[in-house]
């Protein structure tokens, strides 16, 4: 009675060679390659200053320009609500905020410009920007 061969020597040699090539490719890096630098970002906010029944206040773009003037590049911008309860009364704040993603290294400049960390508003939420009276949707 003969014993069946489990694997021939040729398949074992090919598999070992393929494994060696894959390991070499995975660990090799060009000598001039530098690892990418990860930038830690965070979200800051500021009230738009708009009022119930009246609107008004500043636009998302106007507040972004204030950050830029303070030396803080804006990576992304969105609208939101602060999530706080308030009386329903014309002339009272409507809770609309501008939310901006910035580099963590720029936080001090942003706070000097009047912005605060979004994480300080535990009930805040992002929402679509309401169209302004002039049709600008980034309000």
N, C-alpha and C. Protein backbone atom coordinates (compact mmCIF):
# COMPACT_ATOMS: atom_id res chain seq x y z
N UNK A 1 0.84 -1.16 0.00
CA UNK A 1 0.00 0.00 0.00
C UNK A 1 0.89 1.23 0.00
N UNK A 2 0.62 2.16 -0.91
CA UNK A 2 1.45 3.37 -0.98
C UNK A 2 0.80 4.51 -0.22
N UNK A 3 1.61 5.46 0.28
CA UNK A 3 1.12 6.62 1.03
C UNK A 3 0.97 7.79 0.07
N UNK A 4 -0.18 8.50 0.08
CA UNK A 4 -0.34 9.64 -0.82
C UNK A 4 0.57 10.79 -0.40
N UNK A 5 1.09 11.52 -1.37
CA UNK A 5 1.94 12.69 -1.09
C UNK A 5 1.05 13.87 -0.74
N UNK A 6 1.37 14.57 0.32
CA UNK A 6 0.58 15.70 0.77
C UNK A 6 0.87 16.91 -0.11
N UNK A 7 2.09 17.20 -0.35
CA UNK A 7 2.47 18.32 -1.20
C UNK A 7 3.77 17.98 -1.87
N UNK A 8 3.92 18.37 -3.07
CA UNK A 8 5.18 18.10 -3.73
C UNK A 8 6.18 19.18 -3.35
N UNK A 9 7.42 18.91 -3.53
CA UNK A 9 8.49 19.84 -3.16
C UNK A 9 8.39 21.14 -3.96
N UNK A 10 7.91 21.07 -5.18
CA UNK A 10 7.78 22.27 -6.02
C UNK A 10 6.81 23.29 -5.44
N UNK A 11 5.66 22.84 -4.94
CA UNK A 11 4.67 23.75 -4.35
C UNK A 11 5.20 24.38 -3.07
N UNK A 12 5.91 23.63 -2.28
CA UNK A 12 6.48 24.14 -1.03
C UNK A 12 7.51 25.21 -1.34
N UNK A 13 8.36 24.98 -2.33
CA UNK A 13 9.38 25.96 -2.70
C UNK A 13 8.74 27.24 -3.21
N UNK A 14 7.73 27.15 -4.06
CA UNK A 14 7.03 28.33 -4.59
C UNK A 14 6.36 29.10 -3.47
N UNK A 15 5.69 28.43 -2.56
CA UNK A 15 5.00 29.09 -1.45
C UNK A 15 5.99 29.81 -0.55
N UNK A 16 7.12 29.19 -0.26
CA UNK A 16 8.14 29.82 0.59
C UNK A 16 8.71 31.05 -0.10
N UNK A 17 8.97 30.95 -1.39
CA UNK A 17 9.50 32.10 -2.13
C UNK A 17 8.52 33.25 -2.18
N UNK A 18 7.24 32.95 -2.40
CA UNK A 18 6.20 33.98 -2.44
C UNK A 18 6.08 34.67 -1.08
N UNK A 19 6.14 33.92 -0.01
CA UNK A 19 6.06 34.49 1.33
C UNK A 19 7.24 35.43 1.58
N UNK A 20 8.42 35.05 1.15
CA UNK A 20 9.61 35.89 1.34
C UNK A 20 9.48 37.20 0.57
N UNK A 21 8.95 37.14 -0.65
CA UNK A 21 8.77 38.35 -1.46
C UNK A 21 7.74 39.28 -0.81
N UNK A 22 6.63 38.73 -0.31
CA UNK A 22 5.61 39.54 0.32
C UNK A 22 6.13 40.24 1.58
N UNK A 23 6.91 39.54 2.38
CA UNK A 23 7.48 40.13 3.59
C UNK A 23 8.44 41.25 3.21
N UNK A 24 9.27 41.04 2.20
CA UNK A 24 10.23 42.05 1.76
C UNK A 24 9.51 43.29 1.24
N UNK A 25 8.44 43.12 0.48
CA UNK A 25 7.69 44.26 -0.06
C UNK A 25 6.99 45.04 1.04
N UNK A 26 6.49 44.33 2.04
CA UNK A 26 5.75 44.99 3.11
C UNK A 26 6.65 45.80 4.01
N UNK A 27 7.91 45.42 4.14
CA UNK A 27 8.79 46.12 5.07
C UNK A 27 9.71 47.11 4.38
N UNK A 28 9.84 47.04 3.07
CA UNK A 28 10.75 47.94 2.37
C UNK A 28 10.09 49.28 2.13
N UNK A 29 10.86 50.34 2.29
CA UNK A 29 10.39 51.69 2.00
C UNK A 29 11.49 52.40 1.25
N UNK A 30 11.13 53.26 0.30
CA UNK A 30 12.17 53.99 -0.40
C UNK A 30 12.97 54.84 0.58
N UNK A 31 14.27 54.99 0.38
CA UNK A 31 15.08 55.72 1.34
C UNK A 31 14.68 57.18 1.49
N UNK A 32 14.08 57.79 0.48
CA UNK A 32 13.72 59.20 0.56
C UNK A 32 12.32 59.44 1.12
N UNK A 33 11.57 58.37 1.37
CA UNK A 33 10.20 58.53 1.85
C UNK A 33 10.20 59.01 3.29
N UNK A 34 9.34 60.01 3.56
CA UNK A 34 9.17 60.48 4.93
C UNK A 34 7.75 60.16 5.35
N UNK A 35 7.57 59.74 6.58
CA UNK A 35 6.22 59.40 7.02
C UNK A 35 5.32 60.63 7.01
N UNK A 36 4.06 60.48 6.63
CA UNK A 36 3.16 61.64 6.63
C UNK A 36 2.93 62.14 8.05
N UNK A 37 2.81 63.43 8.18
CA UNK A 37 2.57 64.03 9.48
C UNK A 37 1.07 64.16 9.69
N UNK A 38 0.58 63.55 10.72
CA UNK A 38 -0.84 63.62 11.04
C UNK A 38 -1.12 64.93 11.77
N UNK A 39 -2.16 65.62 11.35
CA UNK A 39 -2.55 66.86 12.00
C UNK A 39 -3.79 66.58 12.83
N UNK A 40 -3.69 66.83 14.11
CA UNK A 40 -4.83 66.63 14.98
C UNK A 40 -5.75 67.84 14.84
N UNK A 41 -7.02 67.57 14.62
CA UNK A 41 -7.99 68.65 14.46
C UNK A 41 -9.01 68.60 15.58
N UNK A 42 -9.69 69.71 15.75
CA UNK A 42 -10.78 69.80 16.72
C UNK A 42 -11.79 70.81 16.19
N UNK A 43 -12.97 70.80 16.79
CA UNK A 43 -14.04 71.69 16.37
C UNK A 43 -14.22 72.81 17.39
N UNK A 44 -14.32 74.03 16.87
CA UNK A 44 -14.63 75.19 17.70
C UNK A 44 -15.93 75.79 17.18
N UNK A 45 -16.55 76.63 17.99
CA UNK A 45 -17.82 77.23 17.58
C UNK A 45 -17.89 78.67 18.07
N UNK A 46 -18.82 79.38 17.49
CA UNK A 46 -19.21 80.70 17.99
C UNK A 46 -20.63 80.95 17.54
N UNK A 47 -21.39 81.66 18.37
CA UNK A 47 -22.76 81.97 18.01
C UNK A 47 -22.78 82.86 16.77
N UNK A 48 -23.79 82.64 15.94
CA UNK A 48 -23.96 83.49 14.75
C UNK A 48 -24.57 84.83 15.13
N UNK A 49 -25.16 84.90 16.32
CA UNK A 49 -25.76 86.16 16.77
C UNK A 49 -27.13 86.44 16.20
N UNK A 50 -27.75 85.44 15.61
CA UNK A 50 -29.08 85.63 15.03
C UNK A 50 -30.15 85.56 16.12
N UNK A 51 -31.28 86.20 15.85
CA UNK A 51 -32.38 86.32 16.83
C UNK A 51 -33.65 85.68 16.30
N UNK A 52 -34.46 85.18 17.22
CA UNK A 52 -35.77 84.62 16.86
C UNK A 52 -36.62 85.73 16.23
N UNK A 53 -37.36 85.39 15.19
CA UNK A 53 -38.26 86.28 14.44
C UNK A 53 -37.52 87.33 13.62
N UNK A 54 -36.25 87.55 13.88
CA UNK A 54 -35.51 88.63 13.21
C UNK A 54 -34.40 88.12 12.30
N UNK A 55 -33.81 86.98 12.64
CA UNK A 55 -32.65 86.52 11.87
C UNK A 55 -31.45 87.38 12.20
N UNK A 56 -30.79 87.86 11.17
CA UNK A 56 -29.63 88.73 11.38
C UNK A 56 -28.41 87.94 11.81
N UNK A 57 -27.52 88.62 12.48
CA UNK A 57 -26.28 88.00 12.92
C UNK A 57 -25.27 87.92 11.80
N UNK A 58 -24.25 87.08 12.01
CA UNK A 58 -23.18 86.92 11.03
C UNK A 58 -23.36 85.62 10.26
N UNK A 59 -22.76 85.56 9.09
CA UNK A 59 -22.82 84.35 8.29
C UNK A 59 -21.67 83.41 8.68
N UNK A 60 -21.76 82.19 8.26
CA UNK A 60 -20.72 81.20 8.49
C UNK A 60 -19.40 81.68 7.88
N UNK A 61 -19.47 82.26 6.69
CA UNK A 61 -18.27 82.76 6.01
C UNK A 61 -17.66 83.95 6.74
N UNK A 62 -18.48 84.82 7.30
CA UNK A 62 -17.95 85.98 8.03
C UNK A 62 -17.17 85.53 9.27
N UNK A 63 -17.70 84.54 9.99
CA UNK A 63 -16.98 84.04 11.16
C UNK A 63 -15.71 83.29 10.74
N UNK A 64 -15.76 82.57 9.64
CA UNK A 64 -14.56 81.88 9.14
C UNK A 64 -13.48 82.90 8.80
N UNK A 65 -13.89 84.04 8.23
CA UNK A 65 -12.93 85.10 7.91
C UNK A 65 -12.29 85.66 9.18
N UNK A 66 -13.04 85.72 10.27
CA UNK A 66 -12.46 86.19 11.54
C UNK A 66 -11.39 85.22 12.02
N UNK A 67 -11.64 83.93 11.89
CA UNK A 67 -10.63 82.94 12.26
C UNK A 67 -9.38 83.10 11.39
N UNK A 68 -9.58 83.27 10.10
CA UNK A 68 -8.47 83.43 9.18
C UNK A 68 -7.65 84.66 9.53
N UNK A 69 -8.32 85.77 9.83
CA UNK A 69 -7.60 87.00 10.22
C UNK A 69 -6.80 86.79 11.51
N UNK A 70 -7.27 85.90 12.37
CA UNK A 70 -6.57 85.61 13.63
C UNK A 70 -5.43 84.61 13.41
N UNK A 71 -5.21 84.21 12.17
CA UNK A 71 -4.13 83.28 11.86
C UNK A 71 -4.50 81.82 12.01
N UNK A 72 -5.79 81.53 11.95
CA UNK A 72 -6.28 80.15 12.12
C UNK A 72 -6.89 79.67 10.80
N UNK A 73 -6.21 78.79 10.08
CA UNK A 73 -6.81 78.25 8.86
C UNK A 73 -8.00 77.35 9.19
N UNK A 74 -9.09 77.54 8.46
CA UNK A 74 -10.30 76.75 8.66
C UNK A 74 -10.27 75.57 7.70
N UNK A 75 -10.39 74.36 8.23
CA UNK A 75 -10.36 73.15 7.42
C UNK A 75 -11.75 72.75 6.94
N UNK A 76 -12.78 73.06 7.74
CA UNK A 76 -14.17 72.76 7.37
C UNK A 76 -15.08 73.66 8.20
N UNK A 77 -16.26 73.93 7.66
CA UNK A 77 -17.24 74.76 8.37
C UNK A 77 -18.62 74.17 8.20
N UNK A 78 -19.43 74.28 9.26
CA UNK A 78 -20.81 73.82 9.19
C UNK A 78 -21.66 74.62 10.17
N UNK A 79 -22.96 74.53 9.98
CA UNK A 79 -23.89 75.21 10.88
C UNK A 79 -24.35 74.25 11.97
N UNK A 80 -24.91 74.82 13.02
CA UNK A 80 -25.42 73.98 14.09
C UNK A 80 -26.29 74.77 15.04
N UNK A 81 -26.73 74.09 16.07
CA UNK A 81 -27.51 74.68 17.17
C UNK A 81 -26.78 74.36 18.46
N UNK A 82 -26.84 75.28 19.41
CA UNK A 82 -26.12 75.07 20.67
C UNK A 82 -26.78 74.04 21.57
N UNK A 83 -28.05 73.70 21.32
CA UNK A 83 -28.74 72.67 22.09
C UNK A 83 -29.28 73.14 23.43
N UNK A 84 -29.15 74.41 23.72
CA UNK A 84 -29.64 74.95 25.00
C UNK A 84 -31.11 75.29 24.89
N UNK A 85 -31.81 75.13 26.00
CA UNK A 85 -33.22 75.53 26.04
C UNK A 85 -33.28 77.04 26.17
N UNK A 86 -34.27 77.62 25.54
CA UNK A 86 -34.44 79.07 25.64
C UNK A 86 -35.91 79.42 25.51
N UNK A 87 -36.25 80.58 25.98
CA UNK A 87 -37.61 81.06 25.88
C UNK A 87 -37.92 81.35 24.42
N UNK A 88 -39.16 81.05 24.00
CA UNK A 88 -39.60 81.37 22.65
C UNK A 88 -40.11 82.80 22.66
N UNK A 89 -39.26 83.72 22.17
CA UNK A 89 -39.61 85.14 22.23
C UNK A 89 -38.85 85.88 21.13
N UNK A 90 -39.57 86.65 20.37
CA UNK A 90 -38.92 87.44 19.34
C UNK A 90 -37.84 88.32 19.96
N UNK A 91 -36.69 88.33 19.31
CA UNK A 91 -35.56 89.12 19.79
C UNK A 91 -34.59 88.34 20.66
N UNK A 92 -35.00 87.15 21.14
CA UNK A 92 -34.08 86.32 21.93
C UNK A 92 -33.20 85.50 20.97
N UNK A 93 -32.07 85.06 21.47
CA UNK A 93 -31.16 84.25 20.65
C UNK A 93 -31.87 83.00 20.14
N UNK A 94 -31.53 82.61 18.91
CA UNK A 94 -32.13 81.39 18.35
C UNK A 94 -31.21 80.17 18.48
N UNK A 95 -30.04 80.36 19.06
CA UNK A 95 -29.14 79.24 19.33
C UNK A 95 -28.32 78.76 18.15
N UNK A 96 -28.37 79.47 17.02
CA UNK A 96 -27.60 79.04 15.86
C UNK A 96 -26.11 79.34 16.08
N UNK A 97 -25.27 78.38 15.69
CA UNK A 97 -23.83 78.54 15.84
C UNK A 97 -23.12 78.16 14.55
N UNK A 98 -21.91 78.67 14.40
CA UNK A 98 -21.01 78.26 13.33
C UNK A 98 -19.99 77.31 13.94
N UNK A 99 -19.76 76.19 13.28
CA UNK A 99 -18.83 75.18 13.77
C UNK A 99 -17.67 75.08 12.76
N UNK A 100 -16.45 75.14 13.28
CA UNK A 100 -15.26 75.18 12.42
C UNK A 100 -14.25 74.13 12.87
N UNK A 101 -13.74 73.38 11.92
CA UNK A 101 -12.69 72.40 12.19
C UNK A 101 -11.35 73.09 11.94
N UNK A 102 -10.50 73.06 12.97
CA UNK A 102 -9.19 73.71 12.90
C UNK A 102 -8.13 72.74 13.41
N UNK A 103 -6.86 73.08 13.19
CA UNK A 103 -5.76 72.30 13.76
C UNK A 103 -5.73 72.55 15.26
N UNK A 104 -5.47 71.50 16.03
CA UNK A 104 -5.42 71.64 17.49
C UNK A 104 -4.37 72.66 17.92
N UNK A 105 -3.31 72.78 17.15
CA UNK A 105 -2.25 73.74 17.48
C UNK A 105 -2.73 75.19 17.42
N UNK A 106 -3.85 75.44 16.75
CA UNK A 106 -4.37 76.81 16.59
C UNK A 106 -5.44 77.16 17.62
N UNK A 107 -5.69 76.29 18.58
CA UNK A 107 -6.77 76.52 19.55
C UNK A 107 -6.60 77.83 20.31
N UNK A 108 -5.42 78.13 20.76
CA UNK A 108 -5.21 79.35 21.57
C UNK A 108 -5.57 80.60 20.75
N UNK A 109 -5.16 80.66 19.50
CA UNK A 109 -5.50 81.81 18.64
C UNK A 109 -7.01 81.89 18.43
N UNK A 110 -7.65 80.73 18.26
CA UNK A 110 -9.10 80.72 18.05
C UNK A 110 -9.84 81.21 19.29
N UNK A 111 -9.40 80.81 20.47
CA UNK A 111 -10.09 81.26 21.68
C UNK A 111 -9.86 82.75 21.91
N UNK A 112 -8.70 83.25 21.55
CA UNK A 112 -8.47 84.71 21.65
C UNK A 112 -9.39 85.48 20.70
N UNK A 113 -9.80 84.83 19.61
CA UNK A 113 -10.71 85.46 18.64
C UNK A 113 -12.17 85.27 19.02
N UNK A 114 -12.45 84.66 20.18
CA UNK A 114 -13.82 84.54 20.66
C UNK A 114 -14.50 83.22 20.39
N UNK A 115 -13.76 82.21 19.96
CA UNK A 115 -14.32 80.89 19.68
C UNK A 115 -14.05 79.98 20.88
N UNK A 116 -14.85 78.93 21.01
CA UNK A 116 -14.70 77.99 22.12
C UNK A 116 -14.80 76.56 21.57
N UNK A 117 -14.30 75.60 22.33
CA UNK A 117 -14.38 74.20 21.92
C UNK A 117 -15.83 73.73 21.83
N UNK A 118 -16.17 73.06 20.75
CA UNK A 118 -17.53 72.54 20.59
C UNK A 118 -17.85 71.53 21.68
N UNK A 119 -16.87 70.81 22.17
CA UNK A 119 -17.14 69.80 23.20
C UNK A 119 -17.66 70.43 24.49
N UNK A 120 -17.53 71.74 24.65
CA UNK A 120 -18.08 72.42 25.82
C UNK A 120 -19.60 72.55 25.74
N UNK A 121 -20.15 72.36 24.55
CA UNK A 121 -21.61 72.36 24.36
C UNK A 121 -22.06 70.91 24.20
N UNK A 122 -22.39 70.26 25.29
CA UNK A 122 -22.67 68.82 25.24
C UNK A 122 -23.91 68.48 24.42
N UNK A 123 -24.86 69.40 24.29
CA UNK A 123 -26.09 69.12 23.53
C UNK A 123 -26.09 69.72 22.13
N UNK A 124 -24.98 70.31 21.72
CA UNK A 124 -24.92 70.93 20.38
C UNK A 124 -25.06 69.87 19.31
N UNK A 125 -25.58 70.30 18.16
CA UNK A 125 -25.72 69.39 17.03
C UNK A 125 -25.49 70.15 15.73
N UNK A 126 -24.96 69.46 14.77
CA UNK A 126 -24.80 70.05 13.43
C UNK A 126 -26.13 69.97 12.71
N UNK A 127 -26.37 70.93 11.84
CA UNK A 127 -27.58 70.91 11.02
C UNK A 127 -27.31 71.69 9.76
N UNK A 128 -28.19 71.53 8.80
CA UNK A 128 -28.05 72.25 7.54
C UNK A 128 -28.15 73.74 7.79
N UNK A 129 -27.37 74.49 7.04
CA UNK A 129 -27.41 75.94 7.16
C UNK A 129 -28.71 76.46 6.57
N UNK A 130 -29.33 77.38 7.28
CA UNK A 130 -30.57 78.00 6.80
C UNK A 130 -30.22 79.02 5.72
N UNK A 131 -31.01 79.08 4.65
CA UNK A 131 -30.74 80.09 3.62
C UNK A 131 -30.95 81.50 4.18
N UNK A 132 -30.08 82.39 3.80
CA UNK A 132 -30.21 83.78 4.22
C UNK A 132 -31.20 84.48 3.31
N UNK A 133 -31.58 85.67 3.68
CA UNK A 133 -32.55 86.44 2.89
C UNK A 133 -32.05 86.69 1.48
N UNK A 134 -30.72 86.80 1.31
CA UNK A 134 -30.18 87.07 -0.03
C UNK A 134 -29.94 85.80 -0.83
N UNK A 135 -30.38 84.63 -0.29
CA UNK A 135 -30.25 83.36 -1.02
C UNK A 135 -28.97 82.63 -0.74
N UNK A 136 -28.06 83.18 0.08
CA UNK A 136 -26.81 82.52 0.41
C UNK A 136 -27.10 81.38 1.38
N UNK A 137 -26.83 80.14 0.98
CA UNK A 137 -27.16 78.99 1.82
C UNK A 137 -26.15 78.76 2.93
N UNK A 138 -25.04 79.49 2.97
CA UNK A 138 -24.03 79.30 4.00
C UNK A 138 -24.23 80.27 5.14
N UNK A 139 -25.40 80.33 5.66
CA UNK A 139 -25.77 81.25 6.73
C UNK A 139 -25.82 80.53 8.02
